[in-house]
């Protein structure tokens, strides 16, 4: 049996795109345990990351809350946050990353 649930699309995803995870139902407990165990390092450790960091987020993403991106940009000393509000913003991410990397 396959999981056939539809994942709600964030506003940055085109409305006609249907996202369905292709995950066997029996794997779901393992996936949820893995997700629960994966967390960011302690804040004190993150403040030591001095590498310039580009954080790309989209408003309304149910799997990656905007609040996490906002926390990261507040913690990381050299972080820049770009928030996509719509599919056009997401389409610009390649050029945003190129600019950030000095290309």
N, C-alpha and C. Protein backbone atom coordinates (compact mmCIF):
# COMPACT_ATOMS: atom_id res chain seq x y z
N UNK A 1 0.85 -1.18 0.00
CA UNK A 1 0.00 0.00 0.00
C UNK A 1 0.89 1.24 0.00
N UNK A 2 0.57 2.21 -0.85
CA UNK A 2 1.32 3.45 -0.95
C UNK A 2 0.54 4.57 -0.28
N UNK A 3 1.27 5.51 0.28
CA UNK A 3 0.65 6.69 0.86
C UNK A 3 0.19 7.59 -0.28
N UNK A 4 -1.05 7.94 -0.30
CA UNK A 4 -1.60 8.73 -1.41
C UNK A 4 -2.10 10.10 -0.95
N UNK A 5 -1.69 10.53 0.21
CA UNK A 5 -2.15 11.83 0.71
C UNK A 5 -1.57 12.95 -0.14
N UNK A 6 -2.31 14.00 -0.27
CA UNK A 6 -1.84 15.18 -0.98
C UNK A 6 -1.27 16.16 0.03
N UNK A 7 -0.10 16.66 -0.27
CA UNK A 7 0.57 17.64 0.59
C UNK A 7 0.08 19.02 0.19
N UNK A 8 -0.31 19.86 1.15
CA UNK A 8 -0.76 21.20 0.77
C UNK A 8 0.40 22.00 0.18
N UNK A 9 0.13 22.70 -0.91
CA UNK A 9 1.16 23.49 -1.57
C UNK A 9 1.35 24.83 -0.87
N UNK A 10 2.61 25.23 -0.66
CA UNK A 10 2.85 26.59 -0.19
C UNK A 10 2.45 27.57 -1.29
N UNK A 11 2.20 28.82 -0.96
CA UNK A 11 1.81 29.79 -1.98
C UNK A 11 2.83 29.96 -3.10
N UNK A 12 4.09 29.63 -2.86
CA UNK A 12 5.12 29.81 -3.89
C UNK A 12 5.09 28.72 -4.94
N UNK A 13 4.26 27.71 -4.76
CA UNK A 13 4.17 26.60 -5.71
C UNK A 13 2.96 26.84 -6.62
N UNK A 14 3.11 26.63 -7.92
CA UNK A 14 1.96 26.82 -8.81
C UNK A 14 0.76 26.00 -8.34
N UNK A 15 -0.41 26.59 -8.42
CA UNK A 15 -1.63 25.95 -7.92
C UNK A 15 -1.95 24.64 -8.64
N UNK A 16 -1.53 24.51 -9.90
CA UNK A 16 -1.87 23.29 -10.64
C UNK A 16 -0.88 22.15 -10.40
N UNK A 17 0.16 22.39 -9.60
CA UNK A 17 1.12 21.34 -9.27
C UNK A 17 0.61 20.58 -8.05
N UNK A 18 0.44 19.28 -8.18
CA UNK A 18 -0.04 18.45 -7.06
C UNK A 18 1.16 17.69 -6.50
N UNK A 19 1.42 17.91 -5.22
CA UNK A 19 2.53 17.24 -4.56
C UNK A 19 2.01 16.03 -3.79
N UNK A 20 2.50 14.86 -4.15
CA UNK A 20 2.12 13.63 -3.45
C UNK A 20 3.39 12.87 -3.12
N UNK A 21 3.64 12.66 -1.84
CA UNK A 21 4.82 11.88 -1.50
C UNK A 21 4.65 10.44 -1.96
N UNK A 22 5.68 9.89 -2.56
CA UNK A 22 5.65 8.51 -3.03
C UNK A 22 6.38 7.66 -1.99
N UNK A 23 5.70 7.41 -0.89
CA UNK A 23 6.30 6.73 0.26
C UNK A 23 5.43 5.55 0.66
N UNK A 24 6.06 4.41 0.81
CA UNK A 24 5.32 3.24 1.27
C UNK A 24 4.84 3.49 2.70
N UNK A 25 3.58 3.15 2.94
CA UNK A 25 2.97 3.43 4.25
C UNK A 25 3.78 2.81 5.40
N UNK A 26 4.35 1.63 5.18
CA UNK A 26 5.10 0.97 6.26
C UNK A 26 6.39 1.70 6.62
N UNK A 27 6.84 2.61 5.75
CA UNK A 27 8.05 3.38 6.05
C UNK A 27 7.76 4.66 6.84
N UNK A 28 6.51 5.05 6.92
CA UNK A 28 6.17 6.31 7.57
C UNK A 28 6.66 6.40 9.02
N UNK A 29 6.51 5.37 9.86
CA UNK A 29 7.03 5.51 11.23
C UNK A 29 8.53 5.81 11.26
N UNK A 30 9.29 5.16 10.39
CA UNK A 30 10.73 5.39 10.33
C UNK A 30 11.02 6.82 9.88
N UNK A 31 10.29 7.29 8.89
CA UNK A 31 10.48 8.65 8.39
C UNK A 31 10.15 9.67 9.47
N UNK A 32 9.06 9.46 10.17
CA UNK A 32 8.70 10.40 11.24
C UNK A 32 9.71 10.37 12.38
N UNK A 33 10.23 9.19 12.73
CA UNK A 33 11.26 9.12 13.77
C UNK A 33 12.52 9.88 13.33
N UNK A 34 12.91 9.69 12.07
CA UNK A 34 14.08 10.39 11.55
C UNK A 34 13.88 11.89 11.57
N UNK A 35 12.71 12.34 11.18
CA UNK A 35 12.43 13.78 11.19
C UNK A 35 12.46 14.33 12.61
N UNK A 36 11.93 13.56 13.56
CA UNK A 36 11.91 14.01 14.95
C UNK A 36 13.32 14.10 15.53
N UNK A 37 14.21 13.24 15.06
CA UNK A 37 15.59 13.23 15.57
C UNK A 37 16.49 14.25 14.88
N UNK A 38 16.06 14.74 13.73
CA UNK A 38 16.90 15.70 13.02
C UNK A 38 16.52 17.11 13.46
N UNK A 39 17.46 17.77 14.02
CA UNK A 39 17.21 19.11 14.52
C UNK A 39 18.47 19.93 14.27
N UNK A 40 18.34 21.21 14.40
CA UNK A 40 19.50 22.08 14.24
C UNK A 40 20.44 21.89 15.42
N UNK A 41 21.72 22.17 15.19
CA UNK A 41 22.65 22.15 16.33
C UNK A 41 22.25 23.21 17.35
N UNK A 42 22.82 23.15 18.54
CA UNK A 42 22.52 24.19 19.54
C UNK A 42 22.86 25.58 19.00
N UNK A 43 22.09 26.58 19.42
CA UNK A 43 22.29 27.95 18.95
C UNK A 43 23.72 28.44 19.15
N UNK A 44 24.31 28.10 20.27
CA UNK A 44 25.69 28.56 20.55
C UNK A 44 26.66 28.06 19.48
N UNK A 45 26.44 26.84 18.99
CA UNK A 45 27.30 26.30 17.94
C UNK A 45 27.05 27.01 16.61
N UNK A 46 25.81 27.35 16.34
CA UNK A 46 25.49 28.03 15.09
C UNK A 46 26.12 29.42 15.01
N UNK A 47 26.26 30.09 16.13
CA UNK A 47 26.86 31.43 16.11
C UNK A 47 28.32 31.37 15.70
N UNK A 48 28.93 30.20 15.77
CA UNK A 48 30.33 30.04 15.37
C UNK A 48 30.49 29.87 13.86
N UNK A 49 29.40 29.67 13.14
CA UNK A 49 29.46 29.53 11.68
C UNK A 49 29.60 30.94 11.10
N UNK A 50 30.78 31.26 10.59
CA UNK A 50 31.03 32.60 10.07
C UNK A 50 30.96 32.67 8.55
N UNK A 51 30.83 31.53 7.91
CA UNK A 51 30.71 31.49 6.45
C UNK A 51 29.45 32.23 6.01
N UNK A 52 29.55 33.11 5.01
CA UNK A 52 28.32 33.73 4.51
C UNK A 52 27.32 32.66 4.09
N UNK A 53 26.08 32.87 4.48
CA UNK A 53 25.05 31.86 4.27
C UNK A 53 23.82 32.49 3.64
N UNK A 54 23.34 31.88 2.57
CA UNK A 54 22.10 32.31 1.92
C UNK A 54 21.00 31.36 2.33
N UNK A 55 19.94 31.90 2.90
CA UNK A 55 18.80 31.09 3.31
C UNK A 55 17.63 31.43 2.40
N UNK A 56 17.16 30.42 1.68
CA UNK A 56 16.01 30.59 0.78
C UNK A 56 14.80 29.92 1.41
N UNK A 57 13.74 30.66 1.55
CA UNK A 57 12.52 30.13 2.17
C UNK A 57 11.32 30.59 1.37
N UNK A 58 10.19 29.88 1.55
CA UNK A 58 8.97 30.36 0.92
C UNK A 58 7.87 30.44 1.96
N UNK A 59 7.12 31.50 1.84
CA UNK A 59 6.03 31.75 2.78
C UNK A 59 5.00 30.63 2.67
N UNK A 60 4.56 30.13 3.80
CA UNK A 60 3.51 29.13 3.83
C UNK A 60 3.95 27.70 3.61
N UNK A 61 5.26 27.45 3.60
CA UNK A 61 5.75 26.07 3.41
C UNK A 61 5.44 25.27 4.67
N UNK A 62 4.56 24.26 4.57
CA UNK A 62 4.18 23.51 5.77
C UNK A 62 5.30 22.63 6.32
N UNK A 63 6.26 22.26 5.50
CA UNK A 63 7.33 21.38 5.96
C UNK A 63 8.53 22.10 6.52
N UNK A 64 8.68 23.37 6.16
CA UNK A 64 9.83 24.16 6.60
C UNK A 64 9.32 25.54 6.99
N UNK A 65 8.90 25.71 8.23
CA UNK A 65 8.28 26.96 8.64
C UNK A 65 9.20 28.17 8.43
N UNK A 66 8.62 29.26 8.03
CA UNK A 66 9.36 30.50 7.85
C UNK A 66 10.04 30.91 9.15
N UNK A 67 9.44 30.59 10.27
CA UNK A 67 10.03 30.96 11.56
C UNK A 67 11.41 30.33 11.74
N UNK A 68 11.63 29.13 11.20
CA UNK A 68 12.95 28.50 11.29
C UNK A 68 13.97 29.29 10.49
N UNK A 69 13.61 29.71 9.28
CA UNK A 69 14.51 30.51 8.46
C UNK A 69 14.82 31.83 9.15
N UNK A 70 13.81 32.45 9.75
CA UNK A 70 14.01 33.71 10.45
C UNK A 70 14.90 33.54 11.67
N UNK A 71 14.74 32.42 12.38
CA UNK A 71 15.63 32.13 13.52
C UNK A 71 17.07 31.97 13.04
N UNK A 72 17.25 31.23 11.95
CA UNK A 72 18.60 31.01 11.44
C UNK A 72 19.29 32.31 11.05
N UNK A 73 18.57 33.18 10.38
CA UNK A 73 19.19 34.45 9.96
C UNK A 73 19.51 35.33 11.18
N UNK A 74 18.77 35.17 12.26
CA UNK A 74 19.06 35.91 13.48
C UNK A 74 20.27 35.32 14.22
N UNK A 75 20.48 34.03 14.09
CA UNK A 75 21.56 33.35 14.81
C UNK A 75 22.88 33.38 14.05
N UNK A 76 22.83 33.09 12.76
CA UNK A 76 24.05 33.02 11.95
C UNK A 76 24.57 34.43 11.71
N UNK A 77 25.85 34.69 12.03
CA UNK A 77 26.37 36.05 11.95
C UNK A 77 26.44 36.64 10.54
N UNK A 78 26.53 35.83 9.51
CA UNK A 78 26.65 36.33 8.13
C UNK A 78 25.59 35.72 7.23
N UNK A 79 24.35 35.74 7.68
CA UNK A 79 23.27 35.11 6.91
C UNK A 79 22.40 36.16 6.24
N UNK A 80 21.91 35.77 5.07
CA UNK A 80 20.99 36.60 4.30
C UNK A 80 19.77 35.75 3.99
N UNK A 81 18.59 36.30 4.21
CA UNK A 81 17.33 35.57 3.99
C UNK A 81 16.59 36.15 2.81
N UNK A 82 16.15 35.28 1.92
CA UNK A 82 15.27 35.66 0.81
C UNK A 82 14.01 34.81 0.94
N UNK A 83 12.86 35.46 0.94
CA UNK A 83 11.59 34.77 1.12
C UNK A 83 10.79 34.86 -0.18
N UNK A 84 10.43 33.72 -0.73
CA UNK A 84 9.60 33.67 -1.93
C UNK A 84 8.14 33.73 -1.51
N UNK A 85 7.40 34.57 -2.19
CA UNK A 85 5.96 34.71 -1.93
C UNK A 85 5.13 34.03 -3.01
N UNK A 86 5.76 33.74 -4.16
CA UNK A 86 5.02 33.19 -5.30
C UNK A 86 5.99 32.43 -6.21
N UNK A 87 5.47 31.73 -7.22
CA UNK A 87 6.34 30.95 -8.11
C UNK A 87 7.38 31.80 -8.84
N UNK A 88 7.06 33.04 -9.16
CA UNK A 88 8.03 33.91 -9.82
C UNK A 88 9.24 34.17 -8.93
N UNK A 89 9.00 34.33 -7.63
CA UNK A 89 10.11 34.53 -6.69
C UNK A 89 11.01 33.29 -6.63
N UNK A 90 10.39 32.11 -6.63
CA UNK A 90 11.17 30.86 -6.60
C UNK A 90 12.00 30.74 -7.88
N UNK A 91 11.43 31.13 -9.00
CA UNK A 91 12.14 31.05 -10.28
C UNK A 91 13.40 31.92 -10.28
N UNK A 92 13.43 32.93 -9.45
CA UNK A 92 14.60 33.84 -9.36
C UNK A 92 15.71 33.29 -8.47
N UNK A 93 15.46 32.18 -7.78
CA UNK A 93 16.44 31.68 -6.82
C UNK A 93 17.79 31.35 -7.45
N UNK A 94 17.81 30.86 -8.66
CA UNK A 94 19.09 30.55 -9.30
C UNK A 94 19.90 31.83 -9.46
N UNK A 95 19.28 32.89 -9.93
CA UNK A 95 20.02 34.14 -10.10
C UNK A 95 20.37 34.75 -8.74
N UNK A 96 19.51 34.58 -7.76
CA UNK A 96 19.81 35.06 -6.39
C UNK A 96 21.04 34.32 -5.85
N UNK A 97 21.09 33.02 -6.04
CA UNK A 97 22.25 32.23 -5.58
C UNK A 97 23.50 32.62 -6.36
N UNK A 98 23.37 32.80 -7.67
CA UNK A 98 24.52 33.23 -8.48
C UNK A 98 25.07 34.56 -7.96
N UNK A 99 24.19 35.50 -7.72
CA UNK A 99 24.61 36.81 -7.21
C UNK A 99 25.29 36.67 -5.85
N UNK A 100 24.70 35.86 -4.97
CA UNK A 100 25.25 35.65 -3.64
C UNK A 100 26.66 35.04 -3.72
N UNK A 101 26.85 34.14 -4.69
CA UNK A 101 28.15 33.48 -4.85
C UNK A 101 29.13 34.30 -5.68
N UNK A 102 28.69 35.47 -6.13
CA UNK A 102 29.56 36.35 -6.88
C UNK A 102 29.81 35.90 -8.30
N UNK A 103 28.85 35.21 -8.87
CA UNK A 103 29.00 34.73 -10.25
C UNK A 103 28.53 35.76 -11.23
